[in-house]
Amino acid sequence: MDRLKTKRYVGINLILPIVVWILVIVVFLNVKNIPFSFSEKDAIVLGYFVKFVMTIIFPMVVIDLIYKNKRNFGVFFSKFSSSFKLSLRAYTVAGPAGITFLLIGIFGWGFDDWIGSFILTVVYFIAFYFVLKVTAKLPSRRTLIPPNKQIAVYIICSLLTIVFTYFTYATIPWFSKILYYIFIVGLGEELLFRGYIQSSFNVFFGKPFRLGNVNFGWGLIVSALLFGMMHALVVVPPLWPWALFTFALGLILGFVREKDGTILSAIILHAMLDMPLVFFNV
C-alpha cells in the first residue's frame, strides 16, 4: 500500500506536470497545421483561444480534479495592492533590462541567435540579483491565503479578451494585444508554470533553500527551465537560443511567485514585461 501511495505521489507531483507541459507544446505546434485557410483576424482569435484553453482552463481543471489542497498553488489571491507593489519593485529592475533587446540589435544580433541570447541571459541574471535586493524589505507571505474566487474574475476577463478581439481586431488591434498580454499570456503562462508546474514540483521536492526571507526549492528552477524550453520548442525548427534568456526570466517570475505566496504578482510582472511587444510584430 505504501508503495502504491509512493508511485501515485511521484506520478501526480512529478510526472503529470511534465506530461501536461508536453501536451501543451504538442497542441501549440499542431494548431498551426490545421488544414484550413484562416483570415488574419481568425488566425489571431484561434491562437488566443487555444492558449486560453491550454494554459488557463487545462491547468485549472487539473488542479481542481486532482488536488484536495488547492491552497499550495497560488490561485487564491490576497490584496491586489501588496502584489502590485512587489511586482512594481521587481519591474524597476527587470523592466529596464529589456533595453538590452534594442542594444544587441544595434550590433546586428537578435534574441534568436546565440550571442544575442547569451547577452540577454547575463543581463537578466544580473537583474535577478537586483530583484532580490529591491524586494528584500517587502514581507514574504509564508501563510497560505484563505480560499477565494478572485481568479475567476481574471479567467472571465481572458475569455472576454477573445470575444473583444474578434469584434475589434480590425479597428484597434493594439488594444486587443494589451488585453492579450495581460489576461491570456500573463495569466496563462503564470498559471501553468508558476501556479501548476512550480507548485506541483514544490510538493514533490519541498522548499529547502532560502534567498533572503523567501523559501524555495527545485520547483522554481525546474519550472523556469521548462518555461525556457517551451519558448524554444513551440516554433519549427526549435529556436534553442530563446530557452536561455527565458529561463532567466522564469527564475525572476518564479521568485516573485514564491515571495508573494500567490501567482498574482507574477501575472502582473509578466504582463508589464510583455507590454513593449504590443508595438512589435513577434
C-alpha atoms as a PDB file:
ATOM      1  CA  MET A   1       0.000   0.000   0.000  1.00  0.00           C
ATOM      2  CA  ASP A   2       2.813   2.397   0.878  1.00  0.00           C
ATOM      3  CA  ARG A   3       4.487   1.566  -2.421  1.00  0.00           C
ATOM      4  CA  LEU A   4       1.282   2.365  -4.302  1.00  0.00           C
ATOM      5  CA  LYS A   5       0.990   5.658  -2.453  1.00  0.00           C
ATOM      6  CA  THR A   6       4.589   6.499  -3.321  1.00  0.00           C
ATOM      7  CA  LYS A   7       4.032   5.745  -7.015  1.00  0.00           C
ATOM      8  CA  ARG A   8       0.867   7.862  -7.026  1.00  0.00           C
ATOM      9  CA  TYR A   9       2.718  10.690  -5.242  1.00  0.00           C
ATOM     10  CA  VAL A  10       5.515  10.630  -7.824  1.00  0.00           C
ATOM     11  CA  GLY A  11       3.069  10.326 -10.696  1.00  0.00           C
ATOM     12  CA  ILE A  12       0.880  13.248  -9.629  1.00  0.00           C
ATOM     13  CA  ASN A  13       3.525  15.686  -8.433  1.00  0.00           C
ATOM     14  CA  LEU A  14       6.456  14.966 -10.762  1.00  0.00           C
ATOM     15  CA  ILE A  15       5.432  13.049 -13.876  1.00  0.00           C
ATOM     16  CA  LEU A  16       1.994  14.563 -14.529  1.00  0.00           C
ATOM     17  CA  PRO A  17       3.255  18.200 -14.704  1.00  0.00           C
ATOM     18  CA  ILE A  18       5.827  17.135 -17.312  1.00  0.00           C
ATOM     19  CA  VAL A  19       3.132  15.288 -19.279  1.00  0.00           C
ATOM     20  CA  VAL A  20       0.932  18.409 -19.168  1.00  0.00           C
ATOM     21  CA  TRP A  21       3.893  20.510 -20.357  1.00  0.00           C
ATOM     22  CA  ILE A  22       4.459  18.133 -23.300  1.00  0.00           C
ATOM     23  CA  LEU A  23       0.757  18.153 -24.230  1.00  0.00           C
ATOM     24  CA  VAL A  24       0.684  21.957 -24.269  1.00  0.00           C
ATOM     25  CA  ILE A  25       3.675  22.071 -26.626  1.00  0.00           C
ATOM     26  CA  VAL A  26       2.180  19.394 -28.917  1.00  0.00           C
ATOM     27  CA  VAL A  27      -1.101  21.301 -29.185  1.00  0.00           C
ATOM     28  CA  PHE A  28       0.659  24.618 -29.854  1.00  0.00           C
ATOM     29  CA  LEU A  29       2.708  23.016 -32.633  1.00  0.00           C
ATOM     30  CA  ASN A  30      -0.186  21.226 -34.309  1.00  0.00           C
ATOM     31  CA  VAL A  31      -2.743  24.015 -34.199  1.00  0.00           C
ATOM     32  CA  LYS A  32      -0.571  25.810 -36.741  1.00  0.00           C
ATOM     33  CA  ASN A  33      -1.038  22.876 -39.120  1.00  0.00           C
ATOM     34  CA  ILE A  34      -4.841  22.899 -39.252  1.00  0.00           C
ATOM     35  CA  PRO A  35      -5.690  22.335 -42.945  1.00  0.00           C
ATOM     36  CA  PHE A  36      -7.933  25.369 -43.242  1.00  0.00           C
ATOM     37  CA  SER A  37      -7.405  28.841 -44.618  1.00  0.00           C
ATOM     38  CA  PHE A  38      -7.951  31.471 -41.916  1.00  0.00           C
ATOM     39  CA  SER A  39      -8.091  35.215 -42.281  1.00  0.00           C
ATOM     40  CA  GLU A  40      -5.530  37.143 -40.243  1.00  0.00           C
ATOM     41  CA  LYS A  41      -8.146  38.039 -37.621  1.00  0.00           C
ATOM     42  CA  ASP A  42      -9.499  34.485 -37.366  1.00  0.00           C
ATOM     43  CA  ALA A  43      -5.980  33.073 -37.017  1.00  0.00           C
ATOM     44  CA  ILE A  44      -5.252  35.540 -34.206  1.00  0.00           C
ATOM     45  CA  VAL A  45      -8.505  34.712 -32.402  1.00  0.00           C
ATOM     46  CA  LEU A  46      -7.893  30.967 -32.802  1.00  0.00           C
ATOM     47  CA  GLY A  47      -4.411  31.369 -31.321  1.00  0.00           C
ATOM     48  CA  TYR A  48      -5.803  33.307 -28.376  1.00  0.00           C
ATOM     49  CA  PHE A  49      -8.480  30.668 -27.806  1.00  0.00           C
ATOM     50  CA  VAL A  50      -6.027  27.742 -27.914  1.00  0.00           C
ATOM     51  CA  LYS A  51      -3.716  29.483 -25.455  1.00  0.00           C
ATOM     52  CA  PHE A  52      -6.716  30.239 -23.209  1.00  0.00           C
ATOM     53  CA  VAL A  53      -7.736  26.570 -23.170  1.00  0.00           C
ATOM     54  CA  MET A  54      -4.271  25.047 -22.783  1.00  0.00           C
ATOM     55  CA  THR A  55      -2.650  27.443 -20.301  1.00  0.00           C
ATOM     56  CA  ILE A  56      -5.653  28.585 -18.255  1.00  0.00           C
ATOM     57  CA  ILE A  57      -8.542  26.113 -18.388  1.00  0.00           C
ATOM     58  CA  PHE A  58      -6.426  22.952 -18.677  1.00  0.00           C
ATOM     59  CA  PRO A  59      -4.185  23.523 -15.605  1.00  0.00           C
ATOM     60  CA  MET A  60      -7.120  24.834 -13.552  1.00  0.00           C
ATOM     61  CA  VAL A  61      -9.063  21.654 -14.315  1.00  0.00           C
ATOM     62  CA  VAL A  62      -6.054  19.501 -13.387  1.00  0.00           C
ATOM     63  CA  ILE A  63      -5.613  21.352 -10.087  1.00  0.00           C
ATOM     64  CA  ASP A  64      -9.331  21.186  -9.313  1.00  0.00           C
ATOM     65  CA  LEU A  65      -9.747  17.475 -10.097  1.00  0.00           C
ATOM     66  CA  ILE A  66      -6.538  16.046  -8.644  1.00  0.00           C
ATOM     67  CA  TYR A  67      -5.514  18.109  -5.641  1.00  0.00           C
ATOM     68  CA  LYS A  68      -7.540  18.342  -2.446  1.00  0.00           C
ATOM     69  CA  ASN A  69      -5.352  21.114  -1.042  1.00  0.00           C
ATOM     70  CA  LYS A  70      -5.513  23.815  -3.686  1.00  0.00           C
ATOM     71  CA  ARG A  71      -4.004  26.490  -1.457  1.00  0.00           C
ATOM     72  CA  ASN A  72      -0.475  25.385  -2.394  1.00  0.00           C
ATOM     73  CA  PHE A  73      -0.949  26.501  -5.994  1.00  0.00           C
ATOM     74  CA  GLY A  74      -1.087  30.257  -5.537  1.00  0.00           C
ATOM     75  CA  VAL A  75      -4.503  30.536  -7.220  1.00  0.00           C
ATOM     76  CA  PHE A  76      -6.078  32.290  -4.236  1.00  0.00           C
ATOM     77  CA  PHE A  77      -5.217  35.981  -4.190  1.00  0.00           C
ATOM     78  CA  SER A  78      -4.871  38.398  -1.286  1.00  0.00           C
ATOM     79  CA  LYS A  79      -4.775  42.189  -1.585  1.00  0.00           C
ATOM     80  CA  PHE A  80      -4.051  43.380  -5.108  1.00  0.00           C
ATOM     81  CA  SER A  81      -2.121  46.372  -3.755  1.00  0.00           C
ATOM     82  CA  SER A  82       0.515  44.267  -1.994  1.00  0.00           C
ATOM     83  CA  SER A  83       1.041  42.021  -5.028  1.00  0.00           C
ATOM     84  CA  PHE A  84       1.226  45.076  -7.297  1.00  0.00           C
ATOM     85  CA  LYS A  85       3.809  46.712  -5.019  1.00  0.00           C
ATOM     86  CA  LEU A  86       6.019  43.622  -5.214  1.00  0.00           C
ATOM     87  CA  SER A  87       5.610  43.453  -8.995  1.00  0.00           C
ATOM     88  CA  LEU A  88       6.417  47.132  -9.400  1.00  0.00           C
ATOM     89  CA  ARG A  89       9.587  46.827  -7.298  1.00  0.00           C
ATOM     90  CA  ALA A  90      10.748  43.885  -9.401  1.00  0.00           C
ATOM     91  CA  TYR A  91       9.862  45.724 -12.604  1.00  0.00           C
ATOM     92  CA  THR A  92      12.100  48.678 -11.713  1.00  0.00           C
ATOM     93  CA  VAL A  93      14.991  46.290 -12.372  1.00  0.00           C
ATOM     94  CA  ALA A  94      13.637  43.684 -14.800  1.00  0.00           C
ATOM     95  CA  GLY A  95      11.863  46.279 -16.966  1.00  0.00           C
ATOM     96  CA  PRO A  96      14.916  48.400 -17.865  1.00  0.00           C
ATOM     97  CA  ALA A  97      16.834  45.177 -18.538  1.00  0.00           C
ATOM     98  CA  GLY A  98      14.611  44.842 -21.607  1.00  0.00           C
ATOM     99  CA  ILE A  99      16.516  47.718 -23.231  1.00  0.00           C
ATOM    100  CA  THR A 100      19.146  45.059 -23.961  1.00  0.00           C
ATOM    101  CA  PHE A 101      16.931  43.821 -26.811  1.00  0.00           C
ATOM    102  CA  LEU A 102      17.440  47.144 -28.567  1.00  0.00           C
ATOM    103  CA  LEU A 103      21.143  47.340 -27.739  1.00  0.00           C
ATOM    104  CA  ILE A 104      22.013  43.938 -29.179  1.00  0.00           C
ATOM    105  CA  GLY A 105      20.061  44.893 -32.303  1.00  0.00           C
ATOM    106  CA  ILE A 106      22.401  47.846 -32.822  1.00  0.00           C
ATOM    107  CA  PHE A 107      25.282  45.371 -33.130  1.00  0.00           C
ATOM    108  CA  GLY A 108      23.349  43.144 -35.529  1.00  0.00           C
ATOM    109  CA  TRP A 109      22.441  40.441 -33.035  1.00  0.00           C
ATOM    110  CA  GLY A 110      18.994  39.218 -32.055  1.00  0.00           C
ATOM    111  CA  PHE A 111      17.346  37.275 -29.256  1.00  0.00           C
ATOM    112  CA  ASP A 112      17.054  34.351 -31.674  1.00  0.00           C
ATOM    113  CA  ASP A 113      20.825  33.857 -32.106  1.00  0.00           C
ATOM    114  CA  TRP A 114      23.261  32.509 -29.536  1.00  0.00           C
ATOM    115  CA  ILE A 115      25.316  35.663 -28.981  1.00  0.00           C
ATOM    116  CA  GLY A 116      22.289  37.905 -28.511  1.00  0.00           C
ATOM    117  CA  SER A 117      20.541  35.380 -26.296  1.00  0.00           C
ATOM    118  CA  PHE A 118      23.658  34.858 -24.169  1.00  0.00           C
ATOM    119  CA  ILE A 119      23.962  38.603 -23.570  1.00  0.00           C
ATOM    120  CA  LEU A 120      20.273  38.798 -22.636  1.00  0.00           C
ATOM    121  CA  THR A 121      20.676  35.847 -20.281  1.00  0.00           C
ATOM    122  CA  VAL A 122      23.597  37.502 -18.467  1.00  0.00           C
ATOM    123  CA  VAL A 123      21.625  40.754 -18.171  1.00  0.00           C
ATOM    124  CA  TYR A 124      18.568  39.002 -16.749  1.00  0.00           C
ATOM    125  CA  PHE A 125      20.669  37.020 -14.276  1.00  0.00           C
ATOM    126  CA  ILE A 126      22.103  40.340 -13.098  1.00  0.00           C
ATOM    127  CA  ALA A 127      18.550  41.693 -12.957  1.00  0.00           C
ATOM    128  CA  PHE A 128      17.547  38.675 -10.859  1.00  0.00           C
ATOM    129  CA  TYR A 129      20.248  39.560  -8.335  1.00  0.00           C
ATOM    130  CA  PHE A 130      18.981  43.128  -8.059  1.00  0.00           C
ATOM    131  CA  VAL A 131      15.343  41.988  -7.888  1.00  0.00           C
ATOM    132  CA  LEU A 132      16.363  40.179  -4.703  1.00  0.00           C
ATOM    133  CA  LYS A 133      17.839  43.439  -3.403  1.00  0.00           C
ATOM    134  CA  VAL A 134      14.968  45.792  -4.236  1.00  0.00           C
ATOM    135  CA  THR A 135      12.318  43.424  -2.847  1.00  0.00           C
ATOM    136  CA  ALA A 136      14.262  42.342   0.240  1.00  0.00           C
ATOM    137  CA  LYS A 137      12.421  44.624   2.667  1.00  0.00           C
ATOM    138  CA  LEU A 138       8.979  43.638   1.444  1.00  0.00           C
ATOM    139  CA  PRO A 139       7.258  40.951   3.514  1.00  0.00           C
ATOM    140  CA  SER A 140       7.253  37.371   2.290  1.00  0.00           C
ATOM    141  CA  ARG A 141       3.981  35.514   2.707  1.00  0.00           C
ATOM    142  CA  ARG A 142       4.541  32.226   4.488  1.00  0.00           C
ATOM    143  CA  THR A 143       0.936  31.696   5.480  1.00  0.00           C
ATOM    144  CA  LEU A 144      -1.492  30.259   2.957  1.00  0.00           C
ATOM    145  CA  ILE A 145      -4.124  32.648   1.596  1.00  0.00           C
ATOM    146  CA  PRO A 146      -7.720  31.733   2.548  1.00  0.00           C
ATOM    147  CA  PRO A 147      -9.632  30.292  -0.432  1.00  0.00           C
ATOM    148  CA  ASN A 148     -11.382  32.880  -2.611  1.00  0.00           C
ATOM    149  CA  LYS A 149     -12.708  33.137  -6.159  1.00  0.00           C
ATOM    150  CA  GLN A 150     -10.840  36.200  -7.379  1.00  0.00           C
ATOM    151  CA  ILE A 151      -9.041  34.220 -10.058  1.00  0.00           C
ATOM    152  CA  ALA A 152     -12.434  33.571 -11.665  1.00  0.00           C
ATOM    153  CA  VAL A 153     -12.620  37.281 -12.494  1.00  0.00           C
ATOM    154  CA  TYR A 154      -9.283  37.074 -14.347  1.00  0.00           C
ATOM    155  CA  ILE A 155     -10.403  33.952 -16.243  1.00  0.00           C
ATOM    156  CA  ILE A 156     -13.610  35.693 -17.299  1.00  0.00           C
ATOM    157  CA  CYS A 157     -11.531  38.671 -18.465  1.00  0.00           C
ATOM    158  CA  SER A 158      -9.343  36.331 -20.526  1.00  0.00           C
ATOM    159  CA  LEU A 159     -12.431  34.882 -22.213  1.00  0.00           C
ATOM    160  CA  LEU A 160     -13.820  38.366 -22.846  1.00  0.00           C
ATOM    161  CA  THR A 161     -10.451  39.284 -24.384  1.00  0.00           C
ATOM    162  CA  ILE A 162     -11.042  36.648 -27.080  1.00  0.00           C
ATOM    163  CA  VAL A 163     -14.550  37.957 -27.761  1.00  0.00           C
ATOM    164  CA  PHE A 164     -13.341  41.568 -27.802  1.00  0.00           C
ATOM    165  CA  THR A 165     -10.522  40.688 -30.192  1.00  0.00           C
ATOM    166  CA  TYR A 166     -12.937  39.000 -32.600  1.00  0.00           C
ATOM    167  CA  PHE A 167     -15.052  42.134 -32.935  1.00  0.00           C
ATOM    168  CA  THR A 168     -12.392  44.868 -32.711  1.00  0.00           C
ATOM    169  CA  TYR A 169      -9.087  43.484 -34.028  1.00  0.00           C
ATOM    170  CA  ALA A 170      -9.557  45.103 -37.442  1.00  0.00           C
ATOM    171  CA  THR A 171     -10.003  48.569 -35.921  1.00  0.00           C
ATOM    172  CA  ILE A 172      -7.969  48.675 -32.684  1.00  0.00           C
ATOM    173  CA  PRO A 173      -5.577  45.691 -32.716  1.00  0.00           C
ATOM    174  CA  TRP A 174      -3.173  47.375 -30.277  1.00  0.00           C
ATOM    175  CA  PHE A 175      -5.798  47.380 -27.515  1.00  0.00           C
ATOM    176  CA  SER A 176      -6.588  43.723 -28.123  1.00  0.00           C
ATOM    177  CA  LYS A 177      -2.875  42.968 -27.767  1.00  0.00           C
ATOM    178  CA  ILE A 178      -2.723  44.799 -24.436  1.00  0.00           C
ATOM    179  CA  LEU A 179      -5.565  42.653 -23.117  1.00  0.00           C
ATOM    180  CA  TYR A 180      -3.936  39.576 -24.622  1.00  0.00           C
ATOM    181  CA  TYR A 181      -0.613  40.093 -22.827  1.00  0.00           C
ATOM    182  CA  ILE A 182      -2.393  40.725 -19.515  1.00  0.00           C
ATOM    183  CA  PHE A 183      -5.221  38.204 -19.410  1.00  0.00           C
ATOM    184  CA  ILE A 184      -4.007  35.396 -21.678  1.00  0.00           C
ATOM    185  CA  VAL A 185      -0.195  35.461 -21.762  1.00  0.00           C
ATOM    186  CA  GLY A 186       0.396  36.856 -18.270  1.00  0.00           C
ATOM    187  CA  LEU A 187      -2.382  34.904 -16.599  1.00  0.00           C
ATOM    188  CA  GLY A 188      -1.976  31.777 -18.709  1.00  0.00           C
ATOM    189  CA  GLU A 189       1.773  31.269 -18.578  1.00  0.00           C
ATOM    190  CA  GLU A 190       1.920  32.095 -14.876  1.00  0.00           C
ATOM    191  CA  LEU A 191      -0.997  29.833 -14.052  1.00  0.00           C
ATOM    192  CA  LEU A 192       0.576  26.975 -15.988  1.00  0.00           C
ATOM    193  CA  PHE A 193       4.220  27.399 -14.941  1.00  0.00           C
ATOM    194  CA  ARG A 194       4.283  29.194 -11.584  1.00  0.00           C
ATOM    195  CA  GLY A 195       0.837  28.097 -10.456  1.00  0.00           C
ATOM    196  CA  TYR A 196       0.572  24.474 -11.507  1.00  0.00           C
ATOM    197  CA  ILE A 197       4.030  23.185 -12.508  1.00  0.00           C
ATOM    198  CA  GLN A 198       6.207  25.022  -9.971  1.00  0.00           C
ATOM    199  CA  SER A 199       3.756  24.334  -7.149  1.00  0.00           C
ATOM    200  CA  SER A 200       3.480  20.636  -8.034  1.00  0.00           C
ATOM    201  CA  PHE A 201       7.262  20.339  -8.001  1.00  0.00           C
ATOM    202  CA  ASN A 202       7.299  22.190  -4.656  1.00  0.00           C
ATOM    203  CA  VAL A 203       5.064  19.470  -3.232  1.00  0.00           C
ATOM    204  CA  PHE A 204       7.462  16.819  -4.529  1.00  0.00           C
ATOM    205  CA  PHE A 205      10.855  18.427  -3.833  1.00  0.00           C
ATOM    206  CA  GLY A 206       9.924  20.671  -0.929  1.00  0.00           C
ATOM    207  CA  LYS A 207      11.425  24.126  -0.452  1.00  0.00           C
ATOM    208  CA  PRO A 208      14.705  23.556   1.395  1.00  0.00           C
ATOM    209  CA  PHE A 209      16.547  26.631   0.066  1.00  0.00           C
ATOM    210  CA  ARG A 210      16.317  30.254   1.067  1.00  0.00           C
ATOM    211  CA  LEU A 211      17.014  33.634  -0.531  1.00  0.00           C
ATOM    212  CA  GLY A 212      16.524  36.429   1.980  1.00  0.00           C
ATOM    213  CA  ASN A 213      13.141  35.799   3.540  1.00  0.00           C
ATOM    214  CA  VAL A 214      11.909  33.589   0.691  1.00  0.00           C
ATOM    215  CA  ASN A 215      11.862  29.796   0.834  1.00  0.00           C
ATOM    216  CA  PHE A 216      12.118  27.963  -2.476  1.00  0.00           C
ATOM    217  CA  GLY A 217      13.090  24.605  -3.912  1.00  0.00           C
ATOM    218  CA  TRP A 218      13.977  22.800  -7.112  1.00  0.00           C
ATOM    219  CA  GLY A 219      10.449  23.531  -8.313  1.00  0.00           C
ATOM    220  CA  LEU A 220      11.420  27.124  -9.055  1.00  0.00           C
ATOM    221  CA  ILE A 221      14.489  26.093 -11.043  1.00  0.00           C
ATOM    222  CA  VAL A 222      12.938  23.195 -12.973  1.00  0.00           C
ATOM    223  CA  SER A 223       9.773  25.114 -13.850  1.00  0.00           C
ATOM    224  CA  ALA A 224      11.923  28.010 -15.116  1.00  0.00           C
ATOM    225  CA  LEU A 225      13.875  25.521 -17.238  1.00  0.00           C
ATOM    226  CA  LEU A 226      10.654  24.103 -18.705  1.00  0.00           C
ATOM    227  CA  PHE A 227       9.419  27.665 -19.255  1.00  0.00           C
ATOM    228  CA  GLY A 228      12.517  28.441 -21.280  1.00  0.00           C
ATOM    229  CA  MET A 229      12.411  25.188 -23.231  1.00  0.00           C
ATOM    230  CA  MET A 230       8.766  25.703 -24.181  1.00  0.00           C
ATOM    231  CA  HIS A 231       9.588  29.042 -25.808  1.00  0.00           C
ATOM    232  CA  ALA A 232      12.215  27.257 -27.896  1.00  0.00           C
ATOM    233  CA  LEU A 233      10.074  24.251 -28.800  1.00  0.00           C
ATOM    234  CA  VAL A 234       6.840  25.907 -29.945  1.00  0.00           C
ATOM    235  CA  VAL A 235       8.455  27.044 -33.189  1.00  0.00           C
ATOM    236  CA  VAL A 236       9.730  24.905 -36.059  1.00  0.00           C
ATOM    237  CA  PRO A 237      12.640  24.373 -36.165  1.00  0.00           C
ATOM    238  CA  PRO A 238      13.236  24.872 -32.419  1.00  0.00           C
ATOM    239  CA  LEU A 239      14.975  28.141 -31.549  1.00  0.00           C
ATOM    240  CA  TRP A 240      17.154  26.992 -28.672  1.00  0.00           C
ATOM    241  CA  PRO A 241      18.684  30.426 -28.009  1.00  0.00           C
ATOM    242  CA  TRP A 242      15.240  31.551 -26.793  1.00  0.00           C
ATOM    243  CA  ALA A 243      15.465  28.997 -24.000  1.00  0.00           C
ATOM    244  CA  LEU A 244      18.440  30.782 -22.406  1.00  0.00           C
ATOM    245  CA  PHE A 245      17.069  34.221 -21.563  1.00  0.00           C
ATOM    246  CA  THR A 246      13.507  32.963 -20.985  1.00  0.00           C
ATOM    247  CA  PHE A 247      14.951  30.581 -18.383  1.00  0.00           C
ATOM    248  CA  ALA A 248      16.474  33.583 -16.592  1.00  0.00           C
ATOM    249  CA  LEU A 249      13.139  35.401 -16.823  1.00  0.00           C
ATOM    250  CA  GLY A 250      11.450  32.305 -15.429  1.00  0.00           C
ATOM    251  CA  LEU A 251      13.700  32.442 -12.372  1.00  0.00           C
ATOM    252  CA  ILE A 252      12.668  36.056 -11.717  1.00  0.00           C
ATOM    253  CA  LEU A 253       8.967  35.258 -12.117  1.00  0.00           C
ATOM    254  CA  GLY A 254       9.287  32.122 -10.004  1.00  0.00           C
ATOM    255  CA  PHE A 255      10.999  34.016  -7.206  1.00  0.00           C
ATOM    256  CA  VAL A 256       8.308  36.709  -7.227  1.00  0.00           C
ATOM    257  CA  ARG A 257       5.650  33.998  -7.050  1.00  0.00           C
ATOM    258  CA  GLU A 258       7.310  32.385  -4.028  1.00  0.00           C
ATOM    259  CA  LYS A 259       7.707  35.714  -2.254  1.00  0.00           C
ATOM    260  CA  ASP A 260       4.119  36.757  -2.885  1.00  0.00           C
ATOM    261  CA  GLY A 261       2.638  33.398  -1.933  1.00  0.00           C
ATOM    262  CA  THR A 262       0.338  33.651  -4.981  1.00  0.00           C
ATOM    263  CA  ILE A 263       0.754  33.885  -8.742  1.00  0.00           C
ATOM    264  CA  LEU A 264      -0.853  37.344  -8.849  1.00  0.00           C
ATOM    265  CA  SER A 265       2.394  39.310  -8.585  1.00  0.00           C
ATOM    266  CA  ALA A 266       3.989  37.093 -11.250  1.00  0.00           C
ATOM    267  CA  ILE A 267       0.991  37.698 -13.551  1.00  0.00           C
ATOM    268  CA  ILE A 268       1.312  41.466 -13.122  1.00  0.00           C
ATOM    269  CA  LEU A 269       5.096  41.455 -13.613  1.00  0.00           C
ATOM    270  CA  HIS A 270       4.861  39.166 -16.649  1.00  0.00           C
ATOM    271  CA  ALA A 271       2.251  41.433 -18.251  1.00  0.00           C
ATOM    272  CA  MET A 272       4.347  44.559 -17.614  1.00  0.00           C
ATOM    273  CA  LEU A 273       7.443  42.934 -19.107  1.00  0.00           C
ATOM    274  CA  ASP A 274       5.492  41.969 -22.227  1.00  0.00           C
ATOM    275  CA  MET A 275       3.881  45.360 -22.843  1.00  0.00           C
ATOM    276  CA  PRO A 276       6.568  46.528 -25.343  1.00  0.00           C
ATOM    277  CA  LEU A 277       5.573  43.575 -27.543  1.00  0.00           C
ATOM    278  CA  VAL A 278       2.271  45.349 -28.236  1.00  0.00           C
ATOM    279  CA  PHE A 279       4.182  47.669 -30.567  1.00  0.00           C
ATOM    280  CA  PHE A 280       6.261  44.995 -32.299  1.00  0.00           C
ATOM    281  CA  ASN A 281       5.380  42.067 -34.534  1.00  0.00           C
ATOM    282  CA  VAL A 282       6.863  38.917 -32.993  1.00  0.00           C
END
